């Protein structure tokens, strides 16, 4: 009976060692996989951050170009307004000169008729 019990104990000890070895192998494999996933995750995050940085840089350049275009258009509009004011002033002066010329012509015609 003792011999049988000792054999069973030895068998159970071997089984326990095998299970422990398998668990250690699984743990090592899991740690290796976790490490690989962490590396891949870090790489994916870095690529994502790089893409965001590049997109932001492009957007900044585009925004700056739009600001410059807006500024240029505002300057153009301002110069056009000044030109319109000058043209209005010139038109008014020409109308006044035309009125004066018509009045003078009228006076000349009246004088000529008499």
C-alpha atoms as a PDB file:
ATOM      1  CA  UNK A   1       0.000   0.000   0.000  1.00  0.00           C
ATOM      2  CA  UNK A   2       2.830   2.409   0.909  1.00  0.00           C
ATOM      3  CA  UNK A   3       4.618   1.586  -2.318  1.00  0.00           C
ATOM      4  CA  UNK A   4       1.435   2.235  -4.301  1.00  0.00           C
ATOM      5  CA  UNK A   5       0.882   5.528  -2.495  1.00  0.00           C
ATOM      6  CA  UNK A   6       4.483   6.597  -3.120  1.00  0.00           C
ATOM      7  CA  UNK A   7       4.101   5.748  -6.815  1.00  0.00           C
ATOM      8  CA  UNK A   8       0.913   7.782  -7.003  1.00  0.00           C
ATOM      9  CA  UNK A   9       2.649  10.652  -5.206  1.00  0.00           C
ATOM     10  CA  UNK A  10       5.542  10.531  -7.665  1.00  0.00           C
ATOM     11  CA  UNK A  11       3.138  10.399 -10.590  1.00  0.00           C
ATOM     12  CA  UNK A  12       1.175  13.341  -9.210  1.00  0.00           C
ATOM     13  CA  UNK A  13       4.422  15.271  -8.635  1.00  0.00           C
ATOM     14  CA  UNK A  14       5.490  14.657 -12.250  1.00  0.00           C
ATOM     15  CA  UNK A  15       2.039  15.700 -13.439  1.00  0.00           C
ATOM     16  CA  UNK A  16       2.190  18.829 -11.287  1.00  0.00           C
ATOM     17  CA  UNK A  17       5.648  19.697 -12.656  1.00  0.00           C
ATOM     18  CA  UNK A  18       4.398  19.181 -16.219  1.00  0.00           C
ATOM     19  CA  UNK A  19       1.392  21.421 -15.569  1.00  0.00           C
ATOM     20  CA  UNK A  20       3.651  24.047 -13.945  1.00  0.00           C
ATOM     21  CA  UNK A  21       6.034  23.902 -16.912  1.00  0.00           C
ATOM     22  CA  UNK A  22       3.134  24.267 -19.316  1.00  0.00           C
ATOM     23  CA  UNK A  23       1.821  27.226 -17.310  1.00  0.00           C
ATOM     24  CA  UNK A  24       5.267  28.855 -17.349  1.00  0.00           C
ATOM     25  CA  UNK A  25       5.507  28.329 -21.118  1.00  0.00           C
ATOM     26  CA  UNK A  26       2.036  29.812 -21.572  1.00  0.00           C
ATOM     27  CA  UNK A  27       2.951  32.745 -19.335  1.00  0.00           C
ATOM     28  CA  UNK A  28       6.182  33.336 -21.289  1.00  0.00           C
ATOM     29  CA  UNK A  29       4.292  33.122 -24.587  1.00  0.00           C
ATOM     30  CA  UNK A  30       1.624  35.507 -23.285  1.00  0.00           C
ATOM     31  CA  UNK A  31       4.292  37.986 -22.107  1.00  0.00           C
ATOM     32  CA  UNK A  32       6.024  37.778 -25.500  1.00  0.00           C
ATOM     33  CA  UNK A  33       2.706  38.375 -27.315  1.00  0.00           C
ATOM     34  CA  UNK A  34       1.873  41.289 -25.005  1.00  0.00           C
ATOM     35  CA  UNK A  35       5.300  42.766 -25.684  1.00  0.00           C
ATOM     36  CA  UNK A  36       4.782  42.399 -29.455  1.00  0.00           C
ATOM     37  CA  UNK A  37       1.327  43.999 -29.207  1.00  0.00           C
ATOM     38  CA  UNK A  38       2.766  46.888 -27.182  1.00  0.00           C
ATOM     39  CA  UNK A  39       5.415  47.465 -29.861  1.00  0.00           C
ATOM     40  CA  UNK A  40       2.767  47.346 -32.614  1.00  0.00           C
ATOM     41  CA  UNK A  41       0.476  49.646 -30.632  1.00  0.00           C
ATOM     42  CA  UNK A  42       3.316  52.120 -30.054  1.00  0.00           C
ATOM     43  CA  UNK A  43       4.173  52.044 -33.767  1.00  0.00           C
ATOM     44  CA  UNK A  44       0.517  52.539 -34.759  1.00  0.00           C
ATOM     45  CA  UNK A  45       0.179  55.452 -32.291  1.00  0.00           C
ATOM     46  CA  UNK A  46       3.375  57.020 -33.648  1.00  0.00           C
ATOM     47  CA  UNK A  47       2.154  56.672 -37.246  1.00  0.00           C
ATOM     48  CA  UNK A  48      -1.211  58.139 -36.231  1.00  0.00           C
ATOM     49  CA  UNK A  49       0.481  61.066 -34.444  1.00  0.00           C
ATOM     50  CA  UNK A  50       2.766  61.660 -37.442  1.00  0.00           C
ATOM     51  CA  UNK A  51      -0.251  61.680 -39.768  1.00  0.00           C
ATOM     52  CA  UNK A  52      -2.071  64.136 -37.468  1.00  0.00           C
ATOM     53  CA  UNK A  53       0.993  66.368 -37.291  1.00  0.00           C
ATOM     54  CA  UNK A  54       1.329  66.389 -41.086  1.00  0.00           C
ATOM     55  CA  UNK A  55      -2.399  67.060 -41.554  1.00  0.00           C
ATOM     56  CA  UNK A  56      -2.199  69.936 -39.051  1.00  0.00           C
ATOM     57  CA  UNK A  57       0.846  71.363 -40.838  1.00  0.00           C
ATOM     58  CA  UNK A  58      -0.954  71.219 -44.187  1.00  0.00           C
ATOM     59  CA  UNK A  59      -4.030  72.847 -42.644  1.00  0.00           C
ATOM     60  CA  UNK A  60      -1.895  75.627 -41.152  1.00  0.00           C
ATOM     61  CA  UNK A  61      -0.324  76.292 -44.560  1.00  0.00           C
ATOM     62  CA  UNK A  62      -3.756  76.295 -46.216  1.00  0.00           C
ATOM     63  CA  UNK A  63      -5.200  78.592 -43.545  1.00  0.00           C
ATOM     64  CA  UNK A  64      -2.269  80.990 -43.955  1.00  0.00           C
ATOM     65  CA  UNK A  65      -2.787  81.001 -47.739  1.00  0.00           C
ATOM     66  CA  UNK A  66      -6.496  81.768 -47.201  1.00  0.00           C
ATOM     67  CA  UNK A  67      -5.644  84.611 -44.798  1.00  0.00           C
ATOM     68  CA  UNK A  68      -3.265  86.067 -47.361  1.00  0.00           C
ATOM     69  CA  UNK A  69      -5.902  85.778 -50.091  1.00  0.00           C
ATOM     70  CA  UNK A  70      -8.519  87.432 -47.859  1.00  0.00           C
ATOM     71  CA  UNK A  71      -6.079  90.228 -47.054  1.00  0.00           C
ATOM     72  CA  UNK A  72      -5.302  90.694 -50.740  1.00  0.00           C
ATOM     73  CA  UNK A  73      -9.018  90.780 -51.622  1.00  0.00           C
ATOM     74  CA  UNK A  74      -9.719  93.272 -48.821  1.00  0.00           C
ATOM     75  CA  UNK A  75      -6.941  95.508 -50.156  1.00  0.00           C
ATOM     76  CA  UNK A  76      -8.343  95.168 -53.693  1.00  0.00           C
ATOM     77  CA  UNK A  77     -11.870  96.024 -52.489  1.00  0.00           C
ATOM     78  CA  UNK A  78     -10.533  99.028 -50.585  1.00  0.00           C
ATOM     79  CA  UNK A  79      -8.694 100.328 -53.650  1.00  0.00           C
ATOM     80  CA  UNK A  80     -11.804  99.759 -55.788  1.00  0.00           C
ATOM     81  CA  UNK A  81     -13.904 101.768 -53.304  1.00  0.00           C
ATOM     82  CA  UNK A  82     -11.396 104.624 -53.496  1.00  0.00           C
ATOM     83  CA  UNK A  83     -11.479 104.500 -57.263  1.00  0.00           C
ATOM     84  CA  UNK A  84     -15.301 104.547 -57.245  1.00  0.00           C
ATOM     85  CA  UNK A  85     -15.232 107.607 -54.953  1.00  0.00           C
ATOM     86  CA  UNK A  86     -12.751 109.319 -57.295  1.00  0.00           C
ATOM     87  CA  UNK A  87     -14.948 108.507 -60.299  1.00  0.00           C
ATOM     88  CA  UNK A  88     -18.034 109.844 -58.503  1.00  0.00           C
ATOM     89  CA  UNK A  89     -16.165 113.027 -57.659  1.00  0.00           C
ATOM     90  CA  UNK A  90     -14.945 113.382 -61.247  1.00  0.00           C
ATOM     91  CA  UNK A  91     -18.478 112.757 -62.542  1.00  0.00           C
ATOM     92  CA  UNK A  92     -19.834 115.441 -60.237  1.00  0.00           C
ATOM     93  CA  UNK A  93     -17.159 117.893 -61.387  1.00  0.00           C
ATOM     94  CA  UNK A  94     -17.889 117.060 -65.030  1.00  0.00           C
ATOM     95  CA  UNK A  95     -21.640 117.512 -64.471  1.00  0.00           C
ATOM     96  CA  UNK A  96     -20.983 120.888 -62.831  1.00  0.00           C
ATOM     97  CA  UNK A  97     -18.690 121.895 -65.689  1.00  0.00           C
ATOM     98  CA  UNK A  98     -21.317 120.760 -68.202  1.00  0.00           C
ATOM     99  CA  UNK A  99     -24.014 122.800 -66.418  1.00  0.00           C
ATOM    100  CA  UNK A 100     -21.762 125.849 -66.446  1.00  0.00           C
ATOM    101  CA  UNK A 101     -20.916 125.299 -70.119  1.00  0.00           C
ATOM    102  CA  UNK A 102     -24.632 124.902 -70.961  1.00  0.00           C
ATOM    103  CA  UNK A 103     -25.466 128.058 -69.014  1.00  0.00           C
ATOM    104  CA  UNK A 104     -22.682 129.937 -70.786  1.00  0.00           C
ATOM    105  CA  UNK A 105     -23.899 128.590 -74.142  1.00  0.00           C
ATOM    106  CA  UNK A 106     -27.422 129.623 -73.251  1.00  0.00           C
ATOM    107  CA  UNK A 107     -26.223 133.108 -72.385  1.00  0.00           C
ATOM    108  CA  UNK A 108     -24.264 133.262 -75.656  1.00  0.00           C
ATOM    109  CA  UNK A 109     -27.281 132.168 -77.641  1.00  0.00           C
ATOM    110  CA  UNK A 110     -29.473 134.733 -75.891  1.00  0.00           C
ATOM    111  CA  UNK A 111     -26.892 137.416 -76.612  1.00  0.00           C
ATOM    112  CA  UNK A 112     -26.632 136.311 -80.232  1.00  0.00           C
ATOM    113  CA  UNK A 113     -30.398 136.319 -80.718  1.00  0.00           C
ATOM    114  CA  UNK A 114     -30.708 139.923 -79.449  1.00  0.00           C
END
